[in-house]
Amino acid sequence: MNVLLWAAVVVIGGTGSVLRFLVDGVVGSVAGRDFPAGTLVVNISGAVILGVLTGLVLSHDAALLAGTAAVGSYTTFSTWMLETQRMGEERQRRKVAANIALSLVLGVGAAALGEAIGAHL
């Protein structure tokens, strides 16, 4: 690992986190804030992208930059868990169940779809 690679991780990672903030904001303003649709869209789109990258079979450095720096900073497990926990505290059981089920089912499906796309590129 050289300094240039780590600098790229920092820049790409920062860009991914800003993009997550923007996508979440746009989706939240359209869909409302009753359900964490912004986080769902971010994580599902990130799963597709990561699946594509996996299907491409990138080199180690390219996978680090694209997968870890870009997609890893774009997607958010911690926000998903916090939003789910808060809905649980508010006794919104159906929303909690929907958030967990949608995230898991759509996330796995999105990653598989992305990997199939990547394998054909």
N, C-alpha and C. Protein backbone atom coordinates (compact mmCIF):
# COMPACT_ATOMS: atom_id res chain seq x y z
N MET A 1 0.84 -1.17 0.00
CA MET A 1 0.00 0.00 0.00
C MET A 1 0.90 1.24 0.00
N ASN A 2 0.59 2.12 -0.91
CA ASN A 2 1.38 3.34 -0.95
C ASN A 2 0.52 4.54 -0.56
N VAL A 3 1.16 5.67 -0.42
CA VAL A 3 0.49 6.89 0.03
C VAL A 3 -0.58 7.32 -0.97
N LEU A 4 -0.32 7.18 -2.24
CA LEU A 4 -1.29 7.57 -3.26
C LEU A 4 -2.57 6.75 -3.15
N LEU A 5 -2.43 5.46 -2.89
CA LEU A 5 -3.60 4.60 -2.73
C LEU A 5 -4.42 5.02 -1.52
N TRP A 6 -3.75 5.30 -0.41
CA TRP A 6 -4.47 5.72 0.79
C TRP A 6 -5.12 7.09 0.60
N ALA A 7 -4.46 7.98 -0.11
CA ALA A 7 -5.07 9.29 -0.41
C ALA A 7 -6.33 9.10 -1.25
N ALA A 8 -6.28 8.18 -2.20
CA ALA A 8 -7.46 7.89 -3.02
C ALA A 8 -8.59 7.32 -2.17
N VAL A 9 -8.27 6.47 -1.20
CA VAL A 9 -9.28 5.93 -0.29
C VAL A 9 -9.97 7.07 0.47
N VAL A 10 -9.20 8.02 0.94
CA VAL A 10 -9.75 9.15 1.69
C VAL A 10 -10.68 9.99 0.81
N VAL A 11 -10.23 10.33 -0.39
CA VAL A 11 -11.03 11.18 -1.29
C VAL A 11 -12.29 10.44 -1.75
N ILE A 12 -12.12 9.20 -2.18
CA ILE A 12 -13.27 8.43 -2.66
C ILE A 12 -14.25 8.15 -1.51
N GLY A 13 -13.72 7.82 -0.35
CA GLY A 13 -14.58 7.59 0.81
C GLY A 13 -15.37 8.82 1.20
N GLY A 14 -14.74 9.96 1.17
CA GLY A 14 -15.45 11.21 1.46
C GLY A 14 -16.54 11.48 0.45
N THR A 15 -16.24 11.21 -0.79
CA THR A 15 -17.24 11.41 -1.85
C THR A 15 -18.43 10.48 -1.67
N GLY A 16 -18.16 9.22 -1.32
CA GLY A 16 -19.24 8.26 -1.09
C GLY A 16 -20.15 8.67 0.05
N SER A 17 -19.58 9.18 1.12
CA SER A 17 -20.41 9.58 2.26
C SER A 17 -21.24 10.81 1.94
N VAL A 18 -20.70 11.73 1.16
CA VAL A 18 -21.49 12.91 0.75
C VAL A 18 -22.62 12.48 -0.18
N LEU A 19 -22.32 11.55 -1.09
CA LEU A 19 -23.36 11.05 -1.99
C LEU A 19 -24.48 10.36 -1.21
N ARG A 20 -24.12 9.60 -0.18
CA ARG A 20 -25.14 8.96 0.68
C ARG A 20 -26.04 10.02 1.30
N PHE A 21 -25.46 11.07 1.83
CA PHE A 21 -26.21 12.16 2.45
C PHE A 21 -27.18 12.78 1.45
N LEU A 22 -26.72 13.01 0.23
CA LEU A 22 -27.56 13.63 -0.80
C LEU A 22 -28.70 12.70 -1.23
N VAL A 23 -28.39 11.44 -1.49
CA VAL A 23 -29.43 10.49 -1.91
C VAL A 23 -30.46 10.32 -0.82
N ASP A 24 -30.02 10.15 0.41
CA ASP A 24 -30.95 10.01 1.54
C ASP A 24 -31.84 11.24 1.66
N GLY A 25 -31.27 12.41 1.49
CA GLY A 25 -32.06 13.64 1.58
C GLY A 25 -33.10 13.76 0.49
N VAL A 26 -32.73 13.44 -0.74
CA VAL A 26 -33.68 13.52 -1.86
C VAL A 26 -34.81 12.50 -1.68
N VAL A 27 -34.44 11.26 -1.37
CA VAL A 27 -35.47 10.22 -1.19
C VAL A 27 -36.36 10.56 -0.01
N GLY A 28 -35.77 11.02 1.08
CA GLY A 28 -36.56 11.39 2.26
C GLY A 28 -37.51 12.53 1.99
N SER A 29 -37.10 13.49 1.18
CA SER A 29 -37.98 14.62 0.88
C SER A 29 -39.14 14.20 -0.02
N VAL A 30 -38.93 13.20 -0.85
CA VAL A 30 -39.99 12.71 -1.74
C VAL A 30 -40.91 11.74 -0.99
N ALA A 31 -40.31 10.79 -0.28
CA ALA A 31 -41.08 9.72 0.37
C ALA A 31 -41.58 10.09 1.76
N GLY A 32 -41.03 11.13 2.35
CA GLY A 32 -41.39 11.47 3.72
C GLY A 32 -40.45 10.81 4.71
N ARG A 33 -40.62 11.13 5.96
CA ARG A 33 -39.70 10.63 6.99
C ARG A 33 -40.33 9.62 7.94
N ASP A 34 -41.55 9.14 7.61
CA ASP A 34 -42.19 8.14 8.47
C ASP A 34 -41.48 6.79 8.42
N PHE A 35 -40.86 6.50 7.29
CA PHE A 35 -40.14 5.24 7.09
C PHE A 35 -38.79 5.60 6.51
N PRO A 36 -37.72 4.93 6.92
CA PRO A 36 -36.37 5.28 6.45
C PRO A 36 -36.10 4.83 5.01
N ALA A 37 -36.89 5.35 4.08
CA ALA A 37 -36.76 4.97 2.67
C ALA A 37 -35.42 5.40 2.10
N GLY A 38 -34.90 6.54 2.54
CA GLY A 38 -33.61 7.01 2.04
C GLY A 38 -32.49 6.04 2.33
N THR A 39 -32.45 5.55 3.55
CA THR A 39 -31.43 4.57 3.93
C THR A 39 -31.64 3.27 3.15
N LEU A 40 -32.88 2.87 2.97
CA LEU A 40 -33.18 1.66 2.20
C LEU A 40 -32.68 1.79 0.77
N VAL A 41 -32.97 2.91 0.12
CA VAL A 41 -32.53 3.13 -1.26
C VAL A 41 -31.00 3.15 -1.34
N VAL A 42 -30.36 3.82 -0.41
CA VAL A 42 -28.90 3.87 -0.40
C VAL A 42 -28.32 2.47 -0.27
N ASN A 43 -28.81 1.70 0.68
CA ASN A 43 -28.24 0.38 0.92
C ASN A 43 -28.54 -0.61 -0.22
N ILE A 44 -29.72 -0.53 -0.81
CA ILE A 44 -30.05 -1.43 -1.92
C ILE A 44 -29.23 -1.06 -3.16
N SER A 45 -29.13 0.21 -3.45
CA SER A 45 -28.31 0.62 -4.61
C SER A 45 -26.84 0.28 -4.37
N GLY A 46 -26.39 0.41 -3.14
CA GLY A 46 -25.02 0.03 -2.81
C GLY A 46 -24.79 -1.46 -2.98
N ALA A 47 -25.79 -2.27 -2.64
CA ALA A 47 -25.67 -3.72 -2.81
C ALA A 47 -25.56 -4.09 -4.29
N VAL A 48 -26.32 -3.41 -5.13
CA VAL A 48 -26.21 -3.67 -6.57
C VAL A 48 -24.80 -3.31 -7.06
N ILE A 49 -24.33 -2.14 -6.66
CA ILE A 49 -23.00 -1.69 -7.11
C ILE A 49 -21.92 -2.65 -6.61
N LEU A 50 -21.99 -3.04 -5.35
CA LEU A 50 -20.99 -3.96 -4.81
C LEU A 50 -21.07 -5.32 -5.52
N GLY A 51 -22.28 -5.75 -5.85
CA GLY A 51 -22.43 -6.99 -6.60
C GLY A 51 -21.78 -6.89 -7.98
N VAL A 52 -21.99 -5.76 -8.66
CA VAL A 52 -21.35 -5.56 -9.97
C VAL A 52 -19.83 -5.63 -9.82
N LEU A 53 -19.30 -4.96 -8.83
CA LEU A 53 -17.86 -4.95 -8.61
C LEU A 53 -17.33 -6.35 -8.33
N THR A 54 -18.09 -7.13 -7.57
CA THR A 54 -17.70 -8.51 -7.28
C THR A 54 -17.69 -9.34 -8.56
N GLY A 55 -18.70 -9.15 -9.39
CA GLY A 55 -18.78 -9.88 -10.64
C GLY A 55 -17.66 -9.52 -11.60
N LEU A 56 -17.12 -8.32 -11.48
CA LEU A 56 -16.04 -7.89 -12.36
C LEU A 56 -14.70 -8.52 -12.01
N VAL A 57 -14.56 -9.05 -10.80
CA VAL A 57 -13.32 -9.65 -10.31
C VAL A 57 -12.16 -8.65 -10.47
N LEU A 58 -12.20 -7.63 -9.66
CA LEU A 58 -11.20 -6.56 -9.70
C LEU A 58 -9.91 -6.97 -9.02
N SER A 59 -8.85 -6.25 -9.32
CA SER A 59 -7.59 -6.45 -8.61
C SER A 59 -7.78 -6.01 -7.16
N HIS A 60 -6.81 -6.36 -6.31
CA HIS A 60 -6.92 -6.02 -4.89
C HIS A 60 -7.04 -4.50 -4.68
N ASP A 61 -6.18 -3.72 -5.31
CA ASP A 61 -6.23 -2.27 -5.13
C ASP A 61 -7.51 -1.66 -5.69
N ALA A 62 -7.96 -2.14 -6.84
CA ALA A 62 -9.20 -1.64 -7.43
C ALA A 62 -10.39 -1.99 -6.54
N ALA A 63 -10.39 -3.20 -5.99
CA ALA A 63 -11.47 -3.61 -5.09
C ALA A 63 -11.46 -2.77 -3.83
N LEU A 64 -10.29 -2.43 -3.32
CA LEU A 64 -10.18 -1.58 -2.14
C LEU A 64 -10.79 -0.21 -2.43
N LEU A 65 -10.44 0.37 -3.55
CA LEU A 65 -10.94 1.70 -3.89
C LEU A 65 -12.43 1.68 -4.21
N ALA A 66 -12.85 0.76 -5.05
CA ALA A 66 -14.24 0.74 -5.48
C ALA A 66 -15.17 0.16 -4.41
N GLY A 67 -14.78 -0.95 -3.85
CA GLY A 67 -15.65 -1.62 -2.88
C GLY A 67 -15.62 -1.01 -1.50
N THR A 68 -14.45 -0.91 -0.94
CA THR A 68 -14.34 -0.43 0.44
C THR A 68 -14.49 1.07 0.53
N ALA A 69 -13.74 1.81 -0.27
CA ALA A 69 -13.76 3.27 -0.16
C ALA A 69 -15.08 3.84 -0.69
N ALA A 70 -15.47 3.46 -1.90
CA ALA A 70 -16.65 4.06 -2.51
C ALA A 70 -17.95 3.48 -1.94
N VAL A 71 -18.15 2.19 -2.09
CA VAL A 71 -19.42 1.59 -1.67
C VAL A 71 -19.50 1.50 -0.15
N GLY A 72 -18.39 1.21 0.49
CA GLY A 72 -18.39 1.12 1.95
C GLY A 72 -18.72 2.43 2.63
N SER A 73 -18.31 3.53 2.05
CA SER A 73 -18.64 4.83 2.64
C SER A 73 -20.02 5.30 2.22
N TYR A 74 -20.52 4.78 1.11
CA TYR A 74 -21.85 5.16 0.61
C TYR A 74 -22.95 4.46 1.39
N THR A 75 -22.80 3.16 1.62
CA THR A 75 -23.83 2.40 2.33
C THR A 75 -23.69 2.59 3.84
N THR A 76 -24.74 2.20 4.58
CA THR A 76 -24.69 2.44 6.02
C THR A 76 -25.49 1.40 6.80
N PHE A 77 -24.77 0.50 7.43
CA PHE A 77 -25.40 -0.48 8.31
C PHE A 77 -25.79 0.19 9.63
N SER A 78 -24.96 1.06 10.14
CA SER A 78 -25.22 1.66 11.45
C SER A 78 -26.47 2.53 11.44
N THR A 79 -26.69 3.31 10.39
CA THR A 79 -27.88 4.14 10.31
C THR A 79 -29.12 3.27 10.19
N TRP A 80 -29.03 2.20 9.40
CA TRP A 80 -30.14 1.26 9.26
C TRP A 80 -30.53 0.69 10.63
N MET A 81 -29.55 0.27 11.40
CA MET A 81 -29.83 -0.30 12.72
C MET A 81 -30.40 0.74 13.68
N LEU A 82 -29.85 1.96 13.65
CA LEU A 82 -30.34 3.02 14.54
C LEU A 82 -31.78 3.38 14.21
N GLU A 83 -32.09 3.51 12.92
CA GLU A 83 -33.46 3.84 12.53
C GLU A 83 -34.43 2.72 12.90
N THR A 84 -34.00 1.49 12.75
CA THR A 84 -34.83 0.35 13.11
C THR A 84 -35.05 0.32 14.62
N GLN A 85 -34.01 0.55 15.38
CA GLN A 85 -34.11 0.56 16.84
C GLN A 85 -35.03 1.68 17.31
N ARG A 86 -34.94 2.85 16.70
CA ARG A 86 -35.81 3.97 17.09
C ARG A 86 -37.28 3.67 16.78
N MET A 87 -37.55 3.05 15.64
CA MET A 87 -38.93 2.67 15.33
C MET A 87 -39.43 1.65 16.35
N GLY A 88 -38.55 0.76 16.78
CA GLY A 88 -38.92 -0.21 17.81
C GLY A 88 -39.25 0.46 19.13
N GLU A 89 -38.46 1.46 19.50
CA GLU A 89 -38.75 2.20 20.73
C GLU A 89 -40.10 2.89 20.66
N GLU A 90 -40.48 3.30 19.46
CA GLU A 90 -41.78 3.97 19.25
C GLU A 90 -42.90 2.97 19.01
N ARG A 91 -42.60 1.70 19.19
CA ARG A 91 -43.56 0.61 19.05
C ARG A 91 -44.19 0.54 17.65
N GLN A 92 -43.41 0.86 16.67
CA GLN A 92 -43.87 0.78 15.27
C GLN A 92 -43.43 -0.57 14.71
N ARG A 93 -44.01 -1.62 15.25
CA ARG A 93 -43.58 -2.99 14.96
C ARG A 93 -43.68 -3.36 13.48
N ARG A 94 -44.73 -2.92 12.83
CA ARG A 94 -44.87 -3.25 11.40
C ARG A 94 -43.77 -2.58 10.58
N LYS A 95 -43.45 -1.35 10.92
CA LYS A 95 -42.38 -0.66 10.20
C LYS A 95 -41.03 -1.31 10.47
N VAL A 96 -40.81 -1.74 11.70
CA VAL A 96 -39.57 -2.44 12.04
C VAL A 96 -39.45 -3.72 11.22
N ALA A 97 -40.53 -4.51 11.20
CA ALA A 97 -40.51 -5.76 10.45
C ALA A 97 -40.31 -5.50 8.96
N ALA A 98 -41.00 -4.49 8.43
CA ALA A 98 -40.86 -4.15 7.02
C ALA A 98 -39.45 -3.70 6.69
N ASN A 99 -38.87 -2.88 7.55
CA ASN A 99 -37.52 -2.38 7.31
C ASN A 99 -36.50 -3.52 7.31
N ILE A 100 -36.63 -4.42 8.25
CA ILE A 100 -35.69 -5.54 8.32
C ILE A 100 -35.90 -6.47 7.13
N ALA A 101 -37.13 -6.86 6.87
CA ALA A 101 -37.41 -7.79 5.78
C ALA A 101 -37.03 -7.20 4.42
N LEU A 102 -37.45 -5.98 4.16
CA LEU A 102 -37.12 -5.35 2.87
C LEU A 102 -35.62 -5.21 2.70
N SER A 103 -34.94 -4.78 3.73
CA SER A 103 -33.50 -4.58 3.64
C SER A 103 -32.76 -5.88 3.36
N LEU A 104 -33.15 -6.94 4.05
CA LEU A 104 -32.46 -8.21 3.87
C LEU A 104 -32.80 -8.86 2.52
N VAL A 105 -34.07 -8.95 2.21
CA VAL A 105 -34.48 -9.62 0.98
C VAL A 105 -34.01 -8.83 -0.25
N LEU A 106 -34.30 -7.53 -0.26
CA LEU A 106 -33.90 -6.72 -1.40
C LEU A 106 -32.38 -6.58 -1.48
N GLY A 107 -31.71 -6.51 -0.34
CA GLY A 107 -30.26 -6.38 -0.33
C GLY A 107 -29.56 -7.60 -0.92
N VAL A 108 -29.98 -8.77 -0.50
CA VAL A 108 -29.38 -10.01 -1.03
C VAL A 108 -29.71 -10.14 -2.52
N GLY A 109 -30.95 -9.87 -2.88
CA GLY A 109 -31.34 -9.93 -4.29
C GLY A 109 -30.59 -8.93 -5.14
N ALA A 110 -30.42 -7.71 -4.61
CA ALA A 110 -29.70 -6.67 -5.35
C ALA A 110 -28.23 -7.05 -5.54
N ALA A 111 -27.62 -7.61 -4.52
CA ALA A 111 -26.22 -8.03 -4.64
C ALA A 111 -26.08 -9.15 -5.67
N ALA A 112 -27.00 -10.10 -5.66
CA ALA A 112 -26.95 -11.20 -6.63
C ALA A 112 -27.17 -10.68 -8.05
N LEU A 113 -28.12 -9.78 -8.22
CA LEU A 113 -28.35 -9.18 -9.53
C LEU A 113 -27.11 -8.43 -10.00
N GLY A 114 -26.53 -7.64 -9.12
CA GLY A 114 -25.32 -6.89 -9.47
C GLY A 114 -24.18 -7.80 -9.86
N GLU A 115 -24.01 -8.90 -9.12
CA GLU A 115 -22.93 -9.84 -9.44
C GLU A 115 -23.15 -10.48 -10.81
N ALA A 116 -24.40 -10.83 -11.11
CA ALA A 116 -24.69 -11.40 -12.43
C ALA A 116 -24.41 -10.40 -13.54
N ILE A 117 -24.76 -9.14 -13.30
CA ILE A 117 -24.48 -8.08 -14.30
C ILE A 117 -22.98 -7.92 -14.47
N GLY A 118 -22.26 -7.83 -13.34
CA GLY A 118 -20.81 -7.65 -13.39
C GLY A 118 -20.09 -8.79 -14.10
N ALA A 119 -20.59 -10.01 -13.92
CA ALA A 119 -19.96 -11.18 -14.54
C ALA A 119 -20.11 -11.15 -16.07
N HIS A 120 -21.10 -10.43 -16.55
CA HIS A 120 -21.35 -10.36 -18.00
C HIS A 120 -20.76 -9.12 -18.64
N LEU A 121 -20.11 -8.28 -17.87
CA LEU A 121 -19.51 -7.06 -18.44
C LEU A 121 -18.10 -7.34 -18.91
